[in-house]
Amino acid sequence: MWEMISIDDMMVFTRVVETQSFTKAAEQLGIGKARVSQIVTKLEQGLNTRLLHRTTRSLSLTDTGVRYYKKCQMIQELATQANTEALKFSNEPSGLIRISTPIGNAEYINLFSQFLSQYPQIQLDIMESDSYSNLIESRCDIAIRASSALEDSSLYATKIGEFDDILCASPEYLQRFDELQSAQDLLKLDWVSHDIVHGDKLLVLKSPQGEVVKLSKKPKVQVRTTNSLKEFLLNHIGFGVLPDFAVKDELASGDLVRILPKVHDVTIPLYAVYQNKTLMPLRTRTLIDFLKQKQQRF
């Protein structure tokens, strides 16, 4: 049965050919002459052919040895090239970073654009989804999450910013009802729920003082992206709970307004989640440090 030939053994053979000496090859490799001879003999036995003609004074390649040596040289050059490229990538930020982010946040885009301007040799692959993304299964380098919960012990989370979770509706929709005074008044309104975040049975609200109110309520509409939730609110379908950064422009223009800020106003930390730090590529470490240093208020 054919056995796998060791590339290390092939490199020992290459050194013997280049030095024309078992003794010199052994000195350069830092091993004994007998060991070098043993490796070459084992190589020939594994290949079932002679590679070298040996005399007490000289070495010369057989015809097969000449061809084999040329292939060994090619492997050596490829290995050197691979190592050089790997070292280059480890010494300067470059290459592709895969990032999982929630959908439609202009603040992320602004941050990543600043990062790319600062590190032009880096490319980004942005995977936008409001669904929970398993970092390992999705092969992402970093996931931006509003949670520090980790699905695997090899993962780490670093806080990179925060945002406020708020109640919103359009003025036109609110005109249909009396002025809202308490959380119970929300039971009269139609709820547009982000199903992934809030579900479809219970609306949980938390005041700045930490008081929690739970309302048993079925949503009028269930959506799975923040953008869809916002669009339903702009179409006067109901009220919703969403991040303040997602409606910054709409709040500024008056198309949407905050409701009951004393009932629900929660500051939520945002995290960069990533895998084991030990062998993290420089490009990924550089992005995490960049985001951490910015500590963005989203």
C-alpha atoms as a PDB file:
ATOM      1  CA  MET A   1       0.000   0.000   0.000  1.00  0.00           C
ATOM      2  CA  TRP A   2       1.356   3.429  -0.970  1.00  0.00           C
ATOM      3  CA  GLU A   3       2.171   5.662   1.976  1.00  0.00           C
ATOM      4  CA  MET A   4       2.024   9.452   2.035  1.00  0.00           C
ATOM      5  CA  ILE A   5       5.475  10.931   1.400  1.00  0.00           C
ATOM      6  CA  SER A   6       6.466  13.588   3.940  1.00  0.00           C
ATOM      7  CA  ILE A   7       7.122  17.028   2.476  1.00  0.00           C
ATOM      8  CA  ASP A   8       9.739  17.470   5.196  1.00  0.00           C
ATOM      9  CA  ASP A   9      11.573  14.425   3.848  1.00  0.00           C
ATOM     10  CA  MET A  10      11.369  15.870   0.333  1.00  0.00           C
ATOM     11  CA  MET A  11      12.973  19.086   1.596  1.00  0.00           C
ATOM     12  CA  VAL A  12      15.787  17.093   3.228  1.00  0.00           C
ATOM     13  CA  PHE A  13      16.431  15.390  -0.116  1.00  0.00           C
ATOM     14  CA  THR A  14      16.435  18.814  -1.805  1.00  0.00           C
ATOM     15  CA  ARG A  15      19.043  20.107   0.647  1.00  0.00           C
ATOM     16  CA  VAL A  16      21.262  17.074   0.005  1.00  0.00           C
ATOM     17  CA  VAL A  17      21.102  17.721  -3.751  1.00  0.00           C
ATOM     18  CA  GLU A  18      21.838  21.422  -3.357  1.00  0.00           C
ATOM     19  CA  THR A  19      24.805  20.894  -1.030  1.00  0.00           C
ATOM     20  CA  GLN A  20      26.001  17.740  -2.834  1.00  0.00           C
ATOM     21  CA  SER A  21      26.725  16.336   0.590  1.00  0.00           C
ATOM     22  CA  PHE A  22      24.958  14.448   3.369  1.00  0.00           C
ATOM     23  CA  THR A  23      27.312  16.045   5.879  1.00  0.00           C
ATOM     24  CA  LYS A  24      26.686  19.645   4.752  1.00  0.00           C
ATOM     25  CA  ALA A  25      22.936  19.045   4.510  1.00  0.00           C
ATOM     26  CA  ALA A  26      22.940  17.673   8.065  1.00  0.00           C
ATOM     27  CA  GLU A  27      24.860  20.713   9.354  1.00  0.00           C
ATOM     28  CA  GLN A  28      22.461  23.169   7.671  1.00  0.00           C
ATOM     29  CA  LEU A  29      19.391  21.306   8.898  1.00  0.00           C
ATOM     30  CA  GLY A  30      20.746  20.838  12.416  1.00  0.00           C
ATOM     31  CA  ILE A  31      20.354  17.059  12.443  1.00  0.00           C
ATOM     32  CA  GLY A  32      22.772  14.139  12.308  1.00  0.00           C
ATOM     33  CA  LYS A  33      24.325  12.876   9.089  1.00  0.00           C
ATOM     34  CA  ALA A  34      22.984   9.381   9.771  1.00  0.00           C
ATOM     35  CA  ARG A  35      19.484  10.794  10.104  1.00  0.00           C
ATOM     36  CA  VAL A  36      19.777  12.584   6.742  1.00  0.00           C
ATOM     37  CA  SER A  37      20.938   9.364   5.085  1.00  0.00           C
ATOM     38  CA  GLN A  38      18.096   7.461   6.727  1.00  0.00           C
ATOM     39  CA  ILE A  39      15.502   9.988   5.445  1.00  0.00           C
ATOM     40  CA  VAL A  40      16.760   9.799   1.854  1.00  0.00           C
ATOM     41  CA  THR A  41      16.818   5.994   1.973  1.00  0.00           C
ATOM     42  CA  LYS A  42      13.266   5.937   3.365  1.00  0.00           C
ATOM     43  CA  LEU A  43      12.193   8.325   0.597  1.00  0.00           C
ATOM     44  CA  GLU A  44      13.636   6.057  -2.082  1.00  0.00           C
ATOM     45  CA  GLN A  45      11.980   3.035  -0.519  1.00  0.00           C
ATOM     46  CA  GLY A  46       8.652   4.834  -0.363  1.00  0.00           C
ATOM     47  CA  LEU A  47       8.949   5.783  -4.028  1.00  0.00           C
ATOM     48  CA  ASN A  48      10.344   2.362  -4.943  1.00  0.00           C
ATOM     49  CA  THR A  49      13.118   3.965  -7.021  1.00  0.00           C
ATOM     50  CA  ARG A  50      16.663   5.219  -6.615  1.00  0.00           C
ATOM     51  CA  LEU A  51      17.082   8.983  -6.590  1.00  0.00           C
ATOM     52  CA  LEU A  52      20.812   9.316  -5.925  1.00  0.00           C
ATOM     53  CA  HIS A  53      23.959   7.546  -7.052  1.00  0.00           C
ATOM     54  CA  ARG A  54      26.260   7.408  -4.019  1.00  0.00           C
ATOM     55  CA  THR A  55      30.006   6.862  -3.903  1.00  0.00           C
ATOM     56  CA  THR A  56      32.447   7.552  -1.094  1.00  0.00           C
ATOM     57  CA  ARG A  57      33.459  10.812  -2.796  1.00  0.00           C
ATOM     58  CA  SER A  58      30.428  12.079  -4.695  1.00  0.00           C
ATOM     59  CA  LEU A  59      26.677  12.175  -5.154  1.00  0.00           C
ATOM     60  CA  SER A  60      24.790  12.397  -8.425  1.00  0.00           C
ATOM     61  CA  LEU A  61      21.133  12.293  -9.390  1.00  0.00           C
ATOM     62  CA  THR A  62      19.541   9.466 -11.309  1.00  0.00           C
ATOM     63  CA  ASP A  63      17.267  10.379 -14.222  1.00  0.00           C
ATOM     64  CA  THR A  64      14.287   9.912 -11.909  1.00  0.00           C
ATOM     65  CA  GLY A  65      16.103  11.919  -9.240  1.00  0.00           C
ATOM     66  CA  VAL A  66      16.534  14.858 -11.629  1.00  0.00           C
ATOM     67  CA  ARG A  67      12.829  14.997 -12.367  1.00  0.00           C
ATOM     68  CA  TYR A  68      11.938  14.491  -8.718  1.00  0.00           C
ATOM     69  CA  TYR A  69      14.318  17.235  -7.580  1.00  0.00           C
ATOM     70  CA  LYS A  70      12.722  19.731  -9.988  1.00  0.00           C
ATOM     71  CA  LYS A  71       9.289  18.982  -8.518  1.00  0.00           C
ATOM     72  CA  CYS A  72      10.682  19.320  -4.995  1.00  0.00           C
ATOM     73  CA  GLN A  73      12.068  22.737  -5.950  1.00  0.00           C
ATOM     74  CA  MET A  74       8.634  23.819  -7.139  1.00  0.00           C
ATOM     75  CA  ILE A  75       7.075  22.690  -3.854  1.00  0.00           C
ATOM     76  CA  GLN A  76       9.769  24.541  -1.911  1.00  0.00           C
ATOM     77  CA  GLU A  77       9.142  27.737  -3.876  1.00  0.00           C
ATOM     78  CA  LEU A  78       5.371  27.466  -3.366  1.00  0.00           C
ATOM     79  CA  ALA A  79       5.863  26.914   0.377  1.00  0.00           C
ATOM     80  CA  THR A  80       8.159  29.930   0.590  1.00  0.00           C
ATOM     81  CA  GLN A  81       5.641  32.042  -1.320  1.00  0.00           C
ATOM     82  CA  ALA A  82       2.767  30.860   0.896  1.00  0.00           C
ATOM     83  CA  ASN A  83       4.719  31.670   4.065  1.00  0.00           C
ATOM     84  CA  THR A  84       5.747  35.087   2.740  1.00  0.00           C
ATOM     85  CA  GLU A  85       2.153  35.976   1.871  1.00  0.00           C
ATOM     86  CA  ALA A  86       0.869  34.738   5.231  1.00  0.00           C
ATOM     87  CA  LEU A  87       3.476  36.823   7.069  1.00  0.00           C
ATOM     88  CA  LYS A  88       2.590  39.859   4.977  1.00  0.00           C
ATOM     89  CA  PHE A  89      -1.076  39.482   5.906  1.00  0.00           C
ATOM     90  CA  SER A  90      -0.153  39.126   9.579  1.00  0.00           C
ATOM     91  CA  ASN A  91       2.014  42.278   9.571  1.00  0.00           C
ATOM     92  CA  GLU A  92      -0.284  44.744   7.798  1.00  0.00           C
ATOM     93  CA  PRO A  93      -4.091  44.970   7.862  1.00  0.00           C
ATOM     94  CA  SER A  94      -5.321  43.583   4.544  1.00  0.00           C
ATOM     95  CA  GLY A  95      -7.744  41.055   3.147  1.00  0.00           C
ATOM     96  CA  LEU A  96     -11.437  40.283   3.574  1.00  0.00           C
ATOM     97  CA  ILE A  97     -13.492  40.664   6.780  1.00  0.00           C
ATOM     98  CA  ARG A  98     -16.984  39.101   6.907  1.00  0.00           C
ATOM     99  CA  ILE A  99     -19.356  41.034   9.166  1.00  0.00           C
ATOM    100  CA  SER A 100     -22.900  40.214  10.258  1.00  0.00           C
ATOM    101  CA  THR A 101     -24.956  43.335  11.079  1.00  0.00           C
ATOM    102  CA  PRO A 102     -28.614  44.259  11.565  1.00  0.00           C
ATOM    103  CA  ILE A 103     -30.327  45.623   8.466  1.00  0.00           C
ATOM    104  CA  GLY A 104     -30.329  49.235   7.395  1.00  0.00           C
ATOM    105  CA  ASN A 105     -28.240  51.161   9.924  1.00  0.00           C
ATOM    106  CA  ALA A 106     -26.556  54.130   8.296  1.00  0.00           C
ATOM    107  CA  GLU A 107     -24.339  54.555  11.364  1.00  0.00           C
ATOM    108  CA  TYR A 108     -22.699  51.196  10.668  1.00  0.00           C
ATOM    109  CA  ILE A 109     -22.085  52.233   7.083  1.00  0.00           C
ATOM    110  CA  ASN A 110     -20.499  55.496   8.195  1.00  0.00           C
ATOM    111  CA  LEU A 111     -18.218  53.691  10.657  1.00  0.00           C
ATOM    112  CA  PHE A 112     -17.176  51.032   8.153  1.00  0.00           C
ATOM    113  CA  SER A 113     -16.539  53.718   5.525  1.00  0.00           C
ATOM    114  CA  GLN A 114     -14.198  55.544   7.919  1.00  0.00           C
ATOM    115  CA  PHE A 115     -12.439  52.263   8.609  1.00  0.00           C
ATOM    116  CA  LEU A 116     -11.966  51.498   4.896  1.00  0.00           C
ATOM    117  CA  SER A 117     -10.595  54.991   4.297  1.00  0.00           C
ATOM    118  CA  GLN A 118      -8.049  54.404   7.041  1.00  0.00           C
ATOM    119  CA  TYR A 119      -7.155  50.864   5.885  1.00  0.00           C
ATOM    120  CA  PRO A 120      -7.496  50.757   2.077  1.00  0.00           C
ATOM    121  CA  GLN A 121      -6.055  47.225   1.768  1.00  0.00           C
ATOM    122  CA  ILE A 122      -9.052  45.722   3.599  1.00  0.00           C
ATOM    123  CA  GLN A 123     -12.270  44.537   1.950  1.00  0.00           C
ATOM    124  CA  LEU A 124     -15.594  44.028   3.761  1.00  0.00           C
ATOM    125  CA  ASP A 125     -18.348  41.499   3.133  1.00  0.00           C
ATOM    126  CA  ILE A 126     -21.423  42.815   4.972  1.00  0.00           C
ATOM    127  CA  MET A 127     -24.177  40.294   5.698  1.00  0.00           C
ATOM    128  CA  GLU A 128     -27.254  42.204   6.821  1.00  0.00           C
ATOM    129  CA  SER A 129     -29.955  40.403   8.755  1.00  0.00           C
ATOM    130  CA  ASP A 130     -32.126  41.147  11.762  1.00  0.00           C
ATOM    131  CA  SER A 131     -32.175  37.427  12.489  1.00  0.00           C
ATOM    132  CA  TYR A 132     -29.755  35.919  14.962  1.00  0.00           C
ATOM    133  CA  SER A 133     -26.668  34.794  13.055  1.00  0.00           C
ATOM    134  CA  ASN A 134     -24.525  31.962  14.397  1.00  0.00           C
ATOM    135  CA  LEU A 135     -21.019  33.345  14.053  1.00  0.00           C
ATOM    136  CA  ILE A 136     -19.307  30.003  13.499  1.00  0.00           C
ATOM    137  CA  GLU A 137     -21.867  28.475  11.124  1.00  0.00           C
ATOM    138  CA  SER A 138     -22.125  31.656   9.022  1.00  0.00           C
ATOM    139  CA  ARG A 139     -18.299  31.881   8.783  1.00  0.00           C
ATOM    140  CA  CYS A 140     -18.388  35.533   9.850  1.00  0.00           C
ATOM    141  CA  ASP A 141     -15.370  37.143  11.469  1.00  0.00           C
ATOM    142  CA  ILE A 142     -17.444  39.610  13.500  1.00  0.00           C
ATOM    143  CA  ALA A 143     -21.130  39.899  14.382  1.00  0.00           C
ATOM    144  CA  ILE A 144     -22.639  43.190  15.575  1.00  0.00           C
ATOM    145  CA  ARG A 145     -25.249  42.347  18.213  1.00  0.00           C
ATOM    146  CA  ALA A 146     -27.401  44.009  20.847  1.00  0.00           C
ATOM    147  CA  SER A 147     -26.521  41.134  23.161  1.00  0.00           C
ATOM    148  CA  SER A 148     -23.408  39.744  24.786  1.00  0.00           C
ATOM    149  CA  ALA A 149     -24.893  36.225  24.888  1.00  0.00           C
ATOM    150  CA  LEU A 150     -22.455  33.769  23.289  1.00  0.00           C
ATOM    151  CA  GLU A 151     -23.367  30.464  21.634  1.00  0.00           C
ATOM    152  CA  ASP A 152     -19.896  28.985  22.043  1.00  0.00           C
ATOM    153  CA  SER A 153     -17.135  29.158  24.652  1.00  0.00           C
ATOM    154  CA  SER A 154     -14.598  30.139  21.979  1.00  0.00           C
ATOM    155  CA  LEU A 155     -16.398  33.453  21.339  1.00  0.00           C
ATOM    156  CA  TYR A 156     -15.764  36.862  22.899  1.00  0.00           C
ATOM    157  CA  ALA A 157     -17.830  40.048  23.068  1.00  0.00           C
ATOM    158  CA  THR A 158     -16.532  43.624  23.214  1.00  0.00           C
ATOM    159  CA  LYS A 159     -18.805  46.609  23.763  1.00  0.00           C
ATOM    160  CA  ILE A 160     -18.567  49.051  20.846  1.00  0.00           C
ATOM    161  CA  GLY A 161     -21.456  51.427  21.561  1.00  0.00           C
ATOM    162  CA  GLU A 162     -25.061  51.779  22.637  1.00  0.00           C
ATOM    163  CA  PHE A 163     -28.463  52.984  21.489  1.00  0.00           C
ATOM    164  CA  ASP A 164     -31.877  53.806  22.955  1.00  0.00           C
ATOM    165  CA  ASP A 165     -34.889  51.546  22.452  1.00  0.00           C
ATOM    166  CA  ILE A 166     -37.996  53.745  22.109  1.00  0.00           C
ATOM    167  CA  LEU A 167     -41.738  53.744  21.380  1.00  0.00           C
ATOM    168  CA  CYS A 168     -42.802  55.518  18.174  1.00  0.00           C
ATOM    169  CA  ALA A 169     -45.810  56.248  16.013  1.00  0.00           C
ATOM    170  CA  SER A 170     -46.838  58.760  13.378  1.00  0.00           C
ATOM    171  CA  PRO A 171     -48.690  61.945  14.442  1.00  0.00           C
ATOM    172  CA  GLU A 172     -51.434  61.121  11.951  1.00  0.00           C
ATOM    173  CA  TYR A 173     -52.050  57.747  13.550  1.00  0.00           C
ATOM    174  CA  LEU A 174     -52.023  59.184  17.080  1.00  0.00           C
ATOM    175  CA  GLN A 175     -54.683  61.763  16.125  1.00  0.00           C
ATOM    176  CA  ARG A 176     -57.233  58.945  16.183  1.00  0.00           C
ATOM    177  CA  PHE A 177     -56.839  58.492  19.931  1.00  0.00           C
ATOM    178  CA  ASP A 178     -56.914  60.496  23.116  1.00  0.00           C
ATOM    179  CA  GLU A 179     -53.555  61.604  24.476  1.00  0.00           C
ATOM    180  CA  LEU A 180     -51.594  58.680  25.847  1.00  0.00           C
ATOM    181  CA  GLN A 181     -51.048  58.821  29.597  1.00  0.00           C
ATOM    182  CA  SER A 182     -49.880  55.347  30.647  1.00  0.00           C
ATOM    183  CA  ALA A 183     -48.726  52.000  29.367  1.00  0.00           C
ATOM    184  CA  GLN A 184     -52.279  50.681  29.574  1.00  0.00           C
ATOM    185  CA  ASP A 185     -53.325  53.204  26.914  1.00  0.00           C
ATOM    186  CA  LEU A 186     -51.228  51.248  24.414  1.00  0.00           C
ATOM    187  CA  LEU A 187     -53.785  48.445  24.605  1.00  0.00           C
ATOM    188  CA  LYS A 188     -56.140  50.683  22.578  1.00  0.00           C
ATOM    189  CA  LEU A 189     -53.572  51.071  19.776  1.00  0.00           C
ATOM    190  CA  ASP A 190     -52.419  48.655  17.097  1.00  0.00           C
ATOM    191  CA  TRP A 191     -48.980  47.144  17.714  1.00  0.00           C
ATOM    192  CA  VAL A 192     -46.498  46.556  14.878  1.00  0.00           C
ATOM    193  CA  SER A 193     -44.114  43.956  16.339  1.00  0.00           C
ATOM    194  CA  HIS A 194     -40.589  43.050  15.312  1.00  0.00           C
ATOM    195  CA  ASP A 195     -41.207  39.336  15.748  1.00  0.00           C
ATOM    196  CA  ILE A 196     -37.531  38.394  16.178  1.00  0.00           C
ATOM    197  CA  VAL A 197     -37.037  40.958  18.957  1.00  0.00           C
ATOM    198  CA  HIS A 198     -40.432  41.215  20.671  1.00  0.00           C
ATOM    199  CA  GLY A 199     -42.438  38.156  19.666  1.00  0.00           C
ATOM    200  CA  ASP A 200     -46.196  38.088  19.162  1.00  0.00           C
ATOM    201  CA  LYS A 201     -47.815  37.768  22.595  1.00  0.00           C
ATOM    202  CA  LEU A 202     -46.198  40.057  25.129  1.00  0.00           C
ATOM    203  CA  LEU A 203     -45.008  43.655  24.905  1.00  0.00           C
ATOM    204  CA  VAL A 204     -42.357  44.280  27.553  1.00  0.00           C
ATOM    205  CA  LEU A 205     -41.629  47.906  28.429  1.00  0.00           C
ATOM    206  CA  LYS A 206     -39.003  49.319  30.763  1.00  0.00           C
ATOM    207  CA  SER A 207     -38.812  52.847  32.153  1.00  0.00           C
ATOM    208  CA  PRO A 208     -35.579  54.819  32.684  1.00  0.00           C
ATOM    209  CA  GLN A 209     -35.984  54.045  36.397  1.00  0.00           C
ATOM    210  CA  GLY A 210     -36.087  50.309  35.703  1.00  0.00           C
ATOM    211  CA  GLU A 211     -39.825  49.761  36.182  1.00  0.00           C
ATOM    212  CA  VAL A 212     -41.008  46.917  33.951  1.00  0.00           C
ATOM    213  CA  VAL A 213     -44.504  46.692  32.485  1.00  0.00           C
ATOM    214  CA  LYS A 214     -45.697  43.627  30.589  1.00  0.00           C
ATOM    215  CA  LEU A 215     -48.716  43.985  28.324  1.00  0.00           C
ATOM    216  CA  SER A 216     -50.476  40.922  26.960  1.00  0.00           C
ATOM    217  CA  LYS A 217     -51.241  42.029  23.407  1.00  0.00           C
ATOM    218  CA  LYS A 218     -51.431  40.509  19.949  1.00  0.00           C
ATOM    219  CA  PRO A 219     -49.743  42.516  17.203  1.00  0.00           C
ATOM    220  CA  LYS A 220     -51.644  43.978  14.285  1.00  0.00           C
ATOM    221  CA  VAL A 221     -48.627  43.242  12.095  1.00  0.00           C
ATOM    222  CA  GLN A 222     -45.538  41.093  12.659  1.00  0.00           C
ATOM    223  CA  VAL A 223     -42.363  41.944  10.748  1.00  0.00           C
ATOM    224  CA  ARG A 224     -38.817  40.641  10.775  1.00  0.00           C
ATOM    225  CA  THR A 225     -36.763  43.699   9.895  1.00  0.00           C
ATOM    226  CA  THR A 226     -36.505  47.126  11.485  1.00  0.00           C
ATOM    227  CA  ASN A 227     -36.964  48.783   8.099  1.00  0.00           C
ATOM    228  CA  SER A 228     -40.309  47.058   7.567  1.00  0.00           C
ATOM    229  CA  LEU A 229     -41.436  48.054  11.052  1.00  0.00           C
ATOM    230  CA  LYS A 230     -40.557  51.676  10.361  1.00  0.00           C
ATOM    231  CA  GLU A 231     -42.403  51.685   7.044  1.00  0.00           C
ATOM    232  CA  PHE A 232     -45.606  50.401   8.662  1.00  0.00           C
ATOM    233  CA  LEU A 233     -45.377  53.181  11.252  1.00  0.00           C
ATOM    234  CA  LEU A 234     -44.887  55.758   8.488  1.00  0.00           C
ATOM    235  CA  ASN A 235     -48.004  54.368   6.827  1.00  0.00           C
ATOM    236  CA  HIS A 236     -49.973  55.057  10.025  1.00  0.00           C
ATOM    237  CA  ILE A 237     -50.719  51.403  10.832  1.00  0.00           C
ATOM    238  CA  GLY A 238     -49.816  51.481  14.515  1.00  0.00           C
ATOM    239  CA  PHE A 239     -47.049  51.997  17.075  1.00  0.00           C
ATOM    240  CA  GLY A 240     -43.808  50.097  17.489  1.00  0.00           C
ATOM    241  CA  VAL A 241     -40.669  49.671  19.568  1.00  0.00           C
ATOM    242  CA  LEU A 242     -37.425  50.205  17.685  1.00  0.00           C
ATOM    243  CA  PRO A 243     -33.893  51.624  18.015  1.00  0.00           C
ATOM    244  CA  ASP A 244     -33.637  55.395  17.997  1.00  0.00           C
ATOM    245  CA  PHE A 245     -30.896  55.319  15.336  1.00  0.00           C
ATOM    246  CA  ALA A 246     -33.319  53.647  12.904  1.00  0.00           C
ATOM    247  CA  VAL A 247     -35.749  56.588  13.051  1.00  0.00           C
ATOM    248  CA  LYS A 248     -33.367  59.482  13.595  1.00  0.00           C
ATOM    249  CA  ASP A 249     -34.332  61.258  10.363  1.00  0.00           C
ATOM    250  CA  GLU A 250     -38.058  60.566  10.783  1.00  0.00           C
ATOM    251  CA  LEU A 251     -38.032  61.971  14.316  1.00  0.00           C
ATOM    252  CA  ALA A 252     -36.165  65.060  13.112  1.00  0.00           C
ATOM    253  CA  SER A 253     -38.668  65.648  10.291  1.00  0.00           C
ATOM    254  CA  GLY A 254     -41.715  64.985  12.463  1.00  0.00           C
ATOM    255  CA  ASP A 255     -42.910  62.057  10.363  1.00  0.00           C
ATOM    256  CA  LEU A 256     -42.655  59.958  13.534  1.00  0.00           C
ATOM    257  CA  VAL A 257     -42.791  60.990  17.196  1.00  0.00           C
ATOM    258  CA  ARG A 258     -41.774  59.354  20.434  1.00  0.00           C
ATOM    259  CA  ILE A 259     -44.572  58.243  22.723  1.00  0.00           C
ATOM    260  CA  LEU A 260     -44.530  57.559  26.465  1.00  0.00           C
ATOM    261  CA  PRO A 261     -40.789  58.082  27.058  1.00  0.00           C
ATOM    262  CA  LYS A 262     -41.361  57.694  30.802  1.00  0.00           C
ATOM    263  CA  VAL A 263     -42.844  54.258  30.189  1.00  0.00           C
ATOM    264  CA  HIS A 264     -40.209  52.882  27.839  1.00  0.00           C
ATOM    265  CA  ASP A 265     -36.719  54.266  27.329  1.00  0.00           C
ATOM    266  CA  VAL A 266     -33.944  51.665  27.523  1.00  0.00           C
ATOM    267  CA  THR A 267     -30.280  52.143  26.733  1.00  0.00           C
ATOM    268  CA  ILE A 268     -29.036  48.958  25.086  1.00  0.00           C
ATOM    269  CA  PRO A 269     -25.319  48.147  24.709  1.00  0.00           C
ATOM    270  CA  LEU A 270     -24.034  47.035  21.311  1.00  0.00           C
ATOM    271  CA  TYR A 271     -21.323  44.394  21.014  1.00  0.00           C
ATOM    272  CA  ALA A 272     -18.844  43.104  18.489  1.00  0.00           C
ATOM    273  CA  VAL A 273     -18.789  39.314  18.855  1.00  0.00           C
ATOM    274  CA  TYR A 274     -15.807  37.416  17.477  1.00  0.00           C
ATOM    275  CA  GLN A 275     -13.954  34.129  17.725  1.00  0.00           C
ATOM    276  CA  ASN A 276     -10.894  33.131  19.754  1.00  0.00           C
ATOM    277  CA  LYS A 277      -8.347  35.961  19.938  1.00  0.00           C
ATOM    278  CA  THR A 278      -5.226  33.786  19.855  1.00  0.00           C
ATOM    279  CA  LEU A 279      -4.795  33.485  16.078  1.00  0.00           C
ATOM    280  CA  MET A 280      -7.079  36.330  15.023  1.00  0.00           C
ATOM    281  CA  PRO A 281      -5.982  37.925  11.718  1.00  0.00           C
ATOM    282  CA  LEU A 282      -4.575  41.420  12.090  1.00  0.00           C
ATOM    283  CA  ARG A 283      -7.338  42.850   9.880  1.00  0.00           C
ATOM    284  CA  THR A 284     -10.053  41.542  12.224  1.00  0.00           C
ATOM    285  CA  ARG A 285      -8.243  42.700  15.364  1.00  0.00           C
ATOM    286  CA  THR A 286      -7.740  46.120  13.764  1.00  0.00           C
ATOM    287  CA  LEU A 287     -11.475  46.495  13.052  1.00  0.00           C
ATOM    288  CA  ILE A 288     -12.448  45.450  16.588  1.00  0.00           C
ATOM    289  CA  ASP A 289      -9.979  47.947  18.075  1.00  0.00           C
ATOM    290  CA  PHE A 290     -11.317  50.629  15.721  1.00  0.00           C
ATOM    291  CA  LEU A 291     -14.943  50.019  16.751  1.00  0.00           C
ATOM    292  CA  LYS A 292     -14.025  49.811  20.430  1.00  0.00           C
ATOM    293  CA  GLN A 293     -12.101  53.074  20.268  1.00  0.00           C
ATOM    294  CA  LYS A 294     -15.015  54.866  18.588  1.00  0.00           C
ATOM    295  CA  GLN A 295     -17.552  53.721  21.255  1.00  0.00           C
ATOM    296  CA  GLN A 296     -20.287  54.994  18.974  1.00  0.00           C
ATOM    297  CA  ARG A 297     -23.549  56.407  20.231  1.00  0.00           C
ATOM    298  CA  PHE A 298     -25.830  54.910  17.600  1.00  0.00           C
END
